[in-house]
Amino acid sequence: MTNHLDGNVLAGALSEVFTADVTSARARCGGCGRMGALAEAMVYTNAPGLVARCAGCDQVLATIVDTGDRLILSLAGLSAIELTRPLSTR
């Protein structure tokens, strides 16, 4: 595989879908069960989109493809995402 960036590179693309900063959310890998911030994922950009892989087992966690008029998002490799609610909505 080629060089990768960390999961913080997903912030811009995911901000179009989620109102919260999802890169700080805790996510569970569906492969190895590793739980950690999505920002800890290894993100590869040398594909038609962004490919986020687990830092523990290298399983694909998420893919994001921007086609211009659509955003195609797959979170198939995640078994859970834990988002913290802002204090104002608790």
PDB file of N, CA and C in Angstrom:
ATOM      1  N   MET A   1       0.829  -1.183   0.000  1.00  0.00           N
ATOM      2  CA  MET A   1       0.000   0.000   0.000  1.00  0.00           C
ATOM      3  C   MET A   1       0.869   1.241   0.000  1.00  0.00           C
ATOM      4  N   THR A   2       0.267   2.328  -0.394  1.00  0.00           N
ATOM      5  CA  THR A   2       0.984   3.591  -0.431  1.00  0.00           C
ATOM      6  C   THR A   2       0.875   4.313   0.902  1.00  0.00           C
ATOM      7  N   ASN A   3       1.507   5.453   0.994  1.00  0.00           N
ATOM      8  CA  ASN A   3       1.457   6.251   2.223  1.00  0.00           C
ATOM      9  C   ASN A   3       0.040   6.695   2.516  1.00  0.00           C
ATOM     10  N   HIS A   4      -0.230   6.882   3.804  1.00  0.00           N
ATOM     11  CA  HIS A   4      -1.566   7.280   4.214  1.00  0.00           C
ATOM     12  C   HIS A   4      -1.508   8.520   5.094  1.00  0.00           C
ATOM     13  N   LEU A   5      -2.662   9.173   5.258  1.00  0.00           N
ATOM     14  CA  LEU A   5      -2.833  10.302   6.161  1.00  0.00           C
ATOM     15  C   LEU A   5      -3.645   9.811   7.343  1.00  0.00           C
ATOM     16  N   ASP A   6      -3.794  10.637   8.382  1.00  0.00           N
ATOM     17  CA  ASP A   6      -4.647  10.208   9.494  1.00  0.00           C
ATOM     18  C   ASP A   6      -6.103  10.589   9.224  1.00  0.00           C
ATOM     19  N   GLY A   7      -6.987  10.087  10.081  1.00  0.00           N
ATOM     20  CA  GLY A   7      -8.422  10.242   9.887  1.00  0.00           C
ATOM     21  C   GLY A   7      -8.936  11.669   9.912  1.00  0.00           C
ATOM     22  N   ASN A   8      -8.128  12.631  10.350  1.00  0.00           N
ATOM     23  CA  ASN A   8      -8.566  14.024  10.344  1.00  0.00           C
ATOM     24  C   ASN A   8      -8.848  14.534   8.935  1.00  0.00           C
ATOM     25  N   VAL A   9      -8.278  13.877   7.927  1.00  0.00           N
ATOM     26  CA  VAL A   9      -8.504  14.290   6.550  1.00  0.00           C
ATOM     27  C   VAL A   9      -9.968  14.060   6.131  1.00  0.00           C
ATOM     28  N   LEU A  10     -10.703  13.255   6.895  1.00  0.00           N
ATOM     29  CA  LEU A  10     -12.113  12.981   6.597  1.00  0.00           C
ATOM     30  C   LEU A  10     -13.042  14.122   7.025  1.00  0.00           C
ATOM     31  N   ALA A  11     -12.570  15.052   7.840  1.00  0.00           N
ATOM     32  CA  ALA A  11     -13.414  16.097   8.434  1.00  0.00           C
ATOM     33  C   ALA A  11     -14.207  16.881   7.396  1.00  0.00           C
ATOM     34  N   GLY A  12     -13.564  17.335   6.356  1.00  0.00           N
ATOM     35  CA  GLY A  12     -14.250  18.146   5.349  1.00  0.00           C
ATOM     36  C   GLY A  12     -15.373  17.390   4.655  1.00  0.00           C
ATOM     37  N   ALA A  13     -15.076  16.190   4.191  1.00  0.00           N
ATOM     38  CA  ALA A  13     -16.087  15.402   3.483  1.00  0.00           C
ATOM     39  C   ALA A  13     -17.238  15.007   4.399  1.00  0.00           C
ATOM     40  N   LEU A  14     -16.932  14.609   5.635  1.00  0.00           N
ATOM     41  CA  LEU A  14     -17.991  14.184   6.553  1.00  0.00           C
ATOM     42  C   LEU A  14     -18.821  15.353   7.069  1.00  0.00           C
ATOM     43  N   SER A  15     -18.282  16.563   7.028  1.00  0.00           N
ATOM     44  CA  SER A  15     -19.044  17.720   7.504  1.00  0.00           C
ATOM     45  C   SER A  15     -20.243  18.004   6.603  1.00  0.00           C
ATOM     46  N   GLU A  16     -20.238  17.482   5.384  1.00  0.00           N
ATOM     47  CA  GLU A  16     -21.383  17.643   4.491  1.00  0.00           C
ATOM     48  C   GLU A  16     -22.535  16.729   4.892  1.00  0.00           C
ATOM     49  N   VAL A  17     -22.249  15.685   5.676  1.00  0.00           N
ATOM     50  CA  VAL A  17     -23.258  14.709   6.072  1.00  0.00           C
ATOM     51  C   VAL A  17     -23.648  14.859   7.540  1.00  0.00           C
ATOM     52  N   PHE A  18     -22.662  15.075   8.402  1.00  0.00           N
ATOM     53  CA  PHE A  18     -22.892  15.140   9.841  1.00  0.00           C
ATOM     54  C   PHE A  18     -22.660  16.562  10.334  1.00  0.00           C
ATOM     55  N   THR A  19     -23.478  17.014  11.286  1.00  0.00           N
ATOM     56  CA  THR A  19     -23.283  18.350  11.830  1.00  0.00           C
ATOM     57  C   THR A  19     -22.166  18.376  12.864  1.00  0.00           C
ATOM     58  N   ALA A  20     -21.929  17.276  13.547  1.00  0.00           N
ATOM     59  CA  ALA A  20     -20.846  17.195  14.530  1.00  0.00           C
ATOM     60  C   ALA A  20     -19.543  16.826  13.826  1.00  0.00           C
ATOM     61  N   ASP A  21     -18.417  17.111  14.457  1.00  0.00           N
ATOM     62  CA  ASP A  21     -17.119  16.699  13.931  1.00  0.00           C
ATOM     63  C   ASP A  21     -16.967  15.202  14.181  1.00  0.00           C
ATOM     64  N   VAL A  22     -17.192  14.411  13.167  1.00  0.00           N
ATOM     65  CA  VAL A  22     -17.191  12.960  13.309  1.00  0.00           C
ATOM     66  C   VAL A  22     -15.785  12.403  13.497  1.00  0.00           C
ATOM     67  N   THR A  23     -14.759  13.141  13.108  1.00  0.00           N
ATOM     68  CA  THR A  23     -13.404  12.623  13.288  1.00  0.00           C
ATOM     69  C   THR A  23     -13.039  12.479  14.763  1.00  0.00           C
ATOM     70  N   SER A  24     -13.712  13.225  15.634  1.00  0.00           N
ATOM     71  CA  SER A  24     -13.451  13.082  17.068  1.00  0.00           C
ATOM     72  C   SER A  24     -14.345  12.010  17.703  1.00  0.00           C
ATOM     73  N   ALA A  25     -15.306  11.506  16.940  1.00  0.00           N
ATOM     74  CA  ALA A  25     -16.197  10.448  17.439  1.00  0.00           C
ATOM     75  C   ALA A  25     -15.411   9.155  17.605  1.00  0.00           C
ATOM     76  N   ARG A  26     -15.830   8.363  18.568  1.00  0.00           N
ATOM     77  CA  ARG A  26     -15.229   7.035  18.752  1.00  0.00           C
ATOM     78  C   ARG A  26     -15.955   6.063  17.831  1.00  0.00           C
ATOM     79  N   ALA A  27     -15.191   5.215  17.189  1.00  0.00           N
ATOM     80  CA  ALA A  27     -15.758   4.255  16.248  1.00  0.00           C
ATOM     81  C   ALA A  27     -15.197   2.866  16.548  1.00  0.00           C
ATOM     82  N   ARG A  28     -16.018   1.840  16.299  1.00  0.00           N
ATOM     83  CA  ARG A  28     -15.585   0.456  16.524  1.00  0.00           C
ATOM     84  C   ARG A  28     -15.415  -0.239  15.185  1.00  0.00           C
ATOM     85  N   CYS A  29     -14.240  -0.827  14.990  1.00  0.00           N
ATOM     86  CA  CYS A  29     -13.945  -1.592  13.777  1.00  0.00           C
ATOM     87  C   CYS A  29     -14.781  -2.868  13.775  1.00  0.00           C
ATOM     88  N   GLY A  30     -15.440  -3.136  12.682  1.00  0.00           N
ATOM     89  CA  GLY A  30     -16.233  -4.348  12.548  1.00  0.00           C
ATOM     90  C   GLY A  30     -15.383  -5.598  12.402  1.00  0.00           C
ATOM     91  N   GLY A  31     -14.098  -5.426  12.120  1.00  0.00           N
ATOM     92  CA  GLY A  31     -13.207  -6.572  11.956  1.00  0.00           C
ATOM     93  C   GLY A  31     -12.574  -7.021  13.257  1.00  0.00           C
ATOM     94  N   CYS A  32     -11.825  -6.119  13.898  1.00  0.00           N
ATOM     95  CA  CYS A  32     -11.069  -6.508  15.098  1.00  0.00           C
ATOM     96  C   CYS A  32     -11.693  -5.993  16.390  1.00  0.00           C
ATOM     97  N   GLY A  33     -12.706  -5.126  16.291  1.00  0.00           N
ATOM     98  CA  GLY A  33     -13.361  -4.607  17.486  1.00  0.00           C
ATOM     99  C   GLY A  33     -12.640  -3.441  18.133  1.00  0.00           C
ATOM    100  N   ARG A  34     -11.548  -2.990  17.528  1.00  0.00           N
ATOM    101  CA  ARG A  34     -10.794  -1.857  18.089  1.00  0.00           C
ATOM    102  C   ARG A  34     -11.695  -0.634  18.172  1.00  0.00           C
ATOM    103  N   MET A  35     -11.655   0.041  19.319  1.00  0.00           N
ATOM    104  CA  MET A  35     -12.451   1.246  19.538  1.00  0.00           C
ATOM    105  C   MET A  35     -11.488   2.415  19.656  1.00  0.00           C
ATOM    106  N   GLY A  36     -11.707   3.458  18.883  1.00  0.00           N
ATOM    107  CA  GLY A  36     -10.844   4.636  18.937  1.00  0.00           C
ATOM    108  C   GLY A  36     -11.447   5.758  18.130  1.00  0.00           C
ATOM    109  N   ALA A  37     -10.850   6.927  18.251  1.00  0.00           N
ATOM    110  CA  ALA A  37     -11.327   8.085  17.487  1.00  0.00           C
ATOM    111  C   ALA A  37     -11.167   7.804  15.994  1.00  0.00           C
ATOM    112  N   LEU A  38     -12.129   8.235  15.218  1.00  0.00           N
ATOM    113  CA  LEU A  38     -12.050   8.051  13.762  1.00  0.00           C
ATOM    114  C   LEU A  38     -10.809   8.751  13.212  1.00  0.00           C
ATOM    115  N   ALA A  39     -10.353   9.787  13.892  1.00  0.00           N
ATOM    116  CA  ALA A  39      -9.145  10.498  13.470  1.00  0.00           C
ATOM    117  C   ALA A  39      -7.908   9.614  13.516  1.00  0.00           C
ATOM    118  N   GLU A  40      -7.960   8.496  14.231  1.00  0.00           N
ATOM    119  CA  GLU A  40      -6.821   7.581  14.313  1.00  0.00           C
ATOM    120  C   GLU A  40      -6.740   6.639  13.111  1.00  0.00           C
ATOM    121  N   ALA A  41      -7.772   6.632  12.272  1.00  0.00           N
ATOM    122  CA  ALA A  41      -7.780   5.753  11.101  1.00  0.00           C
ATOM    123  C   ALA A  41      -6.666   6.151  10.133  1.00  0.00           C
ATOM    124  N   MET A  42      -6.243   5.207   9.324  1.00  0.00           N
ATOM    125  CA  MET A  42      -5.276   5.470   8.259  1.00  0.00           C
ATOM    126  C   MET A  42      -6.092   5.753   7.003  1.00  0.00           C
ATOM    127  N   VAL A  43      -5.927   6.924   6.416  1.00  0.00           N
ATOM    128  CA  VAL A  43      -6.734   7.321   5.264  1.00  0.00           C
ATOM    129  C   VAL A  43      -5.858   7.402   4.022  1.00  0.00           C
ATOM    130  N   TYR A  44      -6.297   6.705   2.995  1.00  0.00           N
ATOM    131  CA  TYR A  44      -5.587   6.673   1.725  1.00  0.00           C
ATOM    132  C   TYR A  44      -6.358   7.523   0.724  1.00  0.00           C
ATOM    133  N   THR A  45      -5.625   8.380   0.024  1.00  0.00           N
ATOM    134  CA  THR A  45      -6.263   9.322  -0.895  1.00  0.00           C
ATOM    135  C   THR A  45      -5.968   9.021  -2.355  1.00  0.00           C
ATOM    136  N   ASN A  46      -5.207   7.979  -2.638  1.00  0.00           N
ATOM    137  CA  ASN A  46      -4.834   7.659  -4.013  1.00  0.00           C
ATOM    138  C   ASN A  46      -5.842   6.704  -4.653  1.00  0.00           C
ATOM    139  N   ALA A  47      -7.112   6.976  -4.439  1.00  0.00           N
ATOM    140  CA  ALA A  47      -8.208   6.187  -5.011  1.00  0.00           C
ATOM    141  C   ALA A  47      -9.226   7.185  -5.562  1.00  0.00           C
ATOM    142  N   PRO A  48     -10.313   6.722  -6.137  1.00  0.00           N
ATOM    143  CA  PRO A  48     -11.334   7.659  -6.608  1.00  0.00           C
ATOM    144  C   PRO A  48     -11.954   8.495  -5.486  1.00  0.00           C
ATOM    145  N   GLY A  49     -11.696   8.121  -4.236  1.00  0.00           N
ATOM    146  CA  GLY A  49     -12.206   8.861  -3.087  1.00  0.00           C
ATOM    147  C   GLY A  49     -11.273   8.670  -1.910  1.00  0.00           C
ATOM    148  N   LEU A  50     -11.803   8.796  -0.711  1.00  0.00           N
ATOM    149  CA  LEU A  50     -11.041   8.581   0.508  1.00  0.00           C
ATOM    150  C   LEU A  50     -11.347   7.191   1.043  1.00  0.00           C
ATOM    151  N   VAL A  51     -10.329   6.460   1.456  1.00  0.00           N
ATOM    152  CA  VAL A  51     -10.500   5.124   2.021  1.00  0.00           C
ATOM    153  C   VAL A  51      -9.879   5.132   3.415  1.00  0.00           C
ATOM    154  N   ALA A  52     -10.715   4.946   4.453  1.00  0.00           N
ATOM    155  CA  ALA A  52     -10.243   4.928   5.837  1.00  0.00           C
ATOM    156  C   ALA A  52     -10.111   3.481   6.287  1.00  0.00           C
ATOM    157  N   ARG A  53      -8.936   3.145   6.822  1.00  0.00           N
ATOM    158  CA  ARG A  53      -8.659   1.786   7.284  1.00  0.00           C
ATOM    159  C   ARG A  53      -8.340   1.784   8.769  1.00  0.00           C
ATOM    160  N   CYS A  54      -8.675   0.697   9.422  1.00  0.00           N
ATOM    161  CA  CYS A  54      -8.417   0.528  10.846  1.00  0.00           C
ATOM    162  C   CYS A  54      -6.912   0.552  11.114  1.00  0.00           C
ATOM    163  N   ALA A  55      -6.506   1.310  12.119  1.00  0.00           N
ATOM    164  CA  ALA A  55      -5.093   1.374  12.500  1.00  0.00           C
ATOM    165  C   ALA A  55      -4.639   0.075  13.164  1.00  0.00           C
ATOM    166  N   GLY A  56      -5.590  -0.753  13.616  1.00  0.00           N
ATOM    167  CA  GLY A  56      -5.252  -2.011  14.269  1.00  0.00           C
ATOM    168  C   GLY A  56      -5.129  -3.181  13.325  1.00  0.00           C
ATOM    169  N   CYS A  57      -6.091  -3.329  12.412  1.00  0.00           N
ATOM    170  CA  CYS A  57      -6.096  -4.528  11.561  1.00  0.00           C
ATOM    171  C   CYS A  57      -6.112  -4.234  10.062  1.00  0.00           C
ATOM    172  N   ASP A  58      -6.176  -2.968   9.670  1.00  0.00           N
ATOM    173  CA  ASP A  58      -6.138  -2.542   8.264  1.00  0.00           C
ATOM    174  C   ASP A  58      -7.447  -2.788   7.503  1.00  0.00           C
ATOM    175  N   GLN A  59      -8.520  -3.189   8.182  1.00  0.00           N
ATOM    176  CA  GLN A  59      -9.809  -3.365   7.505  1.00  0.00           C
ATOM    177  C   GLN A  59     -10.329  -2.015   7.029  1.00  0.00           C
ATOM    178  N   VAL A  60     -11.013  -2.005   5.888  1.00  0.00           N
ATOM    179  CA  VAL A  60     -11.648  -0.781   5.413  1.00  0.00           C
ATOM    180  C   VAL A  60     -12.798  -0.440   6.352  1.00  0.00           C
ATOM    181  N   LEU A  61     -12.749   0.760   6.938  1.00  0.00           N
ATOM    182  CA  LEU A  61     -13.800   1.234   7.833  1.00  0.00           C
ATOM    183  C   LEU A  61     -14.839   2.041   7.077  1.00  0.00           C
ATOM    184  N   ALA A  62     -14.364   2.933   6.213  1.00  0.00           N
ATOM    185  CA  ALA A  62     -15.261   3.855   5.525  1.00  0.00           C
ATOM    186  C   ALA A  62     -14.665   4.254   4.183  1.00  0.00           C
ATOM    187  N   THR A  63     -15.551   4.554   3.241  1.00  0.00           N
ATOM    188  CA  THR A  63     -15.128   5.138   1.968  1.00  0.00           C
ATOM    189  C   THR A  63     -16.014   6.337   1.690  1.00  0.00           C
ATOM    190  N   ILE A  64     -15.407   7.364   1.112  1.00  0.00           N
ATOM    191  CA  ILE A  64     -16.141   8.578   0.751  1.00  0.00           C
ATOM    192  C   ILE A  64     -15.728   8.959  -0.663  1.00  0.00           C
ATOM    193  N   VAL A  65     -16.705   9.057  -1.551  1.00  0.00           N
ATOM    194  CA  VAL A  65     -16.448   9.447  -2.929  1.00  0.00           C
ATOM    195  C   VAL A  65     -17.297  10.674  -3.240  1.00  0.00           C
ATOM    196  N   ASP A  66     -16.647  11.744  -3.681  1.00  0.00           N
ATOM    197  CA  ASP A  66     -17.328  12.984  -4.063  1.00  0.00           C
ATOM    198  C   ASP A  66     -17.400  13.014  -5.576  1.00  0.00           C
ATOM    199  N   THR A  67     -18.623  12.929  -6.135  1.00  0.00           N
ATOM    200  CA  THR A  67     -18.783  12.926  -7.588  1.00  0.00           C
ATOM    201  C   THR A  67     -19.110  14.303  -8.138  1.00  0.00           C
ATOM    202  N   GLY A  68     -19.121  15.297  -7.273  1.00  0.00           N
ATOM    203  CA  GLY A  68     -19.473  16.646  -7.701  1.00  0.00           C
ATOM    204  C   GLY A  68     -20.886  16.996  -7.288  1.00  0.00           C
ATOM    205  N   ASP A  69     -21.854  16.241  -7.788  1.00  0.00           N
ATOM    206  CA  ASP A  69     -23.255  16.501  -7.428  1.00  0.00           C
ATOM    207  C   ASP A  69     -23.772  15.535  -6.365  1.00  0.00           C
ATOM    208  N   ARG A  70     -22.955  14.544  -5.997  1.00  0.00           N
ATOM    209  CA  ARG A  70     -23.346  13.566  -4.977  1.00  0.00           C
ATOM    210  C   ARG A  70     -22.150  13.221  -4.103  1.00  0.00           C
ATOM    211  N   LEU A  71     -22.452  12.803  -2.886  1.00  0.00           N
ATOM    212  CA  LEU A  71     -21.439  12.291  -1.973  1.00  0.00           C
ATOM    213  C   LEU A  71     -21.846  10.859  -1.663  1.00  0.00           C
ATOM    214  N   ILE A  72     -20.972   9.913  -1.959  1.00  0.00           N
ATOM    215  CA  ILE A  72     -21.264   8.508  -1.715  1.00  0.00           C
ATOM    216  C   ILE A  72     -20.443   8.075  -0.504  1.00  0.00           C
ATOM    217  N   LEU A  73     -21.136   7.676   0.557  1.00  0.00           N
ATOM    218  CA  LEU A  73     -20.511   7.356   1.833  1.00  0.00           C
ATOM    219  C   LEU A  73     -20.845   5.927   2.225  1.00  0.00           C
ATOM    220  N   SER A  74     -19.813   5.144   2.560  1.00  0.00           N
ATOM    221  CA  SER A  74     -20.018   3.808   3.096  1.00  0.00           C
ATOM    222  C   SER A  74     -19.291   3.723   4.424  1.00  0.00           C
ATOM    223  N   LEU A  75     -20.016   3.292   5.453  1.00  0.00           N
ATOM    224  CA  LEU A  75     -19.438   3.061   6.777  1.00  0.00           C
ATOM    225  C   LEU A  75     -19.534   1.572   7.111  1.00  0.00           C
ATOM    226  N   ALA A  76     -19.498   0.741   6.083  1.00  0.00           N
ATOM    227  CA  ALA A  76     -19.737  -0.695   6.225  1.00  0.00           C
ATOM    228  C   ALA A  76     -18.744  -1.393   7.152  1.00  0.00           C
ATOM    229  N   GLY A  77     -17.542  -0.881   7.303  1.00  0.00           N
ATOM    230  CA  GLY A  77     -16.547  -1.526   8.142  1.00  0.00           C
ATOM    231  C   GLY A  77     -16.623  -1.152   9.610  1.00  0.00           C
ATOM    232  N   LEU A  78     -17.558  -0.272   9.943  1.00  0.00           N
ATOM    233  CA  LEU A  78     -17.735   0.145  11.337  1.00  0.00           C
ATOM    234  C   LEU A  78     -18.918  -0.580  11.950  1.00  0.00           C
ATOM    235  N   SER A  79     -18.749  -1.079  13.162  1.00  0.00           N
ATOM    236  CA  SER A  79     -19.885  -1.706  13.835  1.00  0.00           C
ATOM    237  C   SER A  79     -20.608  -0.704  14.729  1.00  0.00           C
ATOM    238  N   ALA A  80     -19.962   0.438  15.031  1.00  0.00           N
ATOM    239  CA  ALA A  80     -20.612   1.480  15.840  1.00  0.00           C
ATOM    240  C   ALA A  80     -19.853   2.787  15.720  1.00  0.00           C
ATOM    241  N   ILE A  81     -20.575   3.896  15.859  1.00  0.00           N
ATOM    242  CA  ILE A  81     -19.986   5.226  15.968  1.00  0.00           C
ATOM    243  C   ILE A  81     -20.613   5.872  17.196  1.00  0.00           C
ATOM    244  N   GLU A  82     -19.773   6.364  18.087  1.00  0.00           N
ATOM    245  CA  GLU A  82     -20.229   6.991  19.332  1.00  0.00           C
ATOM    246  C   GLU A  82     -20.002   8.495  19.241  1.00  0.00           C
ATOM    247  N   LEU A  83     -21.105   9.256  19.142  1.00  0.00           N
ATOM    248  CA  LEU A  83     -21.043  10.707  19.055  1.00  0.00           C
ATOM    249  C   LEU A  83     -21.465  11.312  20.384  1.00  0.00           C
ATOM    250  N   THR A  84     -20.771  12.333  20.823  1.00  0.00           N
ATOM    251  CA  THR A  84     -21.130  13.036  22.038  1.00  0.00           C
ATOM    252  C   THR A  84     -22.062  14.187  21.701  1.00  0.00           C
ATOM    253  N   ARG A  85     -23.168  14.276  22.404  1.00  0.00           N
ATOM    254  CA  ARG A  85     -24.113  15.372  22.170  1.00  0.00           C
ATOM    255  C   ARG A  85     -23.571  16.663  22.779  1.00  0.00           C
ATOM    256  N   PRO A  86     -23.812  17.795  22.106  1.00  0.00           N
ATOM    257  CA  PRO A  86     -23.436  19.078  22.703  1.00  0.00           C
ATOM    258  C   PRO A  86     -24.225  19.294  24.003  1.00  0.00           C
ATOM    259  N   LEU A  87     -23.667  20.024  24.940  1.00  0.00           N
ATOM    260  CA  LEU A  87     -24.327  20.274  26.226  1.00  0.00           C
ATOM    261  C   LEU A  87     -25.711  20.878  26.058  1.00  0.00           C
ATOM    262  N   SER A  88     -25.919  21.699  25.038  1.00  0.00           N
ATOM    263  CA  SER A  88     -27.203  22.384  24.853  1.00  0.00           C
ATOM    264  C   SER A  88     -28.351  21.441  24.486  1.00  0.00           C
ATOM    265  N   THR A  89     -28.050  20.212  24.027  1.00  0.00           N
ATOM    266  CA  THR A  89     -29.122  19.281  23.628  1.00  0.00           C
ATOM    267  C   THR A  89     -29.326  18.145  24.627  1.00  0.00           C
ATOM    268  N   ARG A  90     -28.613  18.156  25.730  1.00  0.00           N
ATOM    269  CA  ARG A  90     -28.747  17.072  26.711  1.00  0.00           C
ATOM    270  C   ARG A  90     -29.916  17.288  27.615  1.00  0.00           C
TER     271      ARG A  90
END
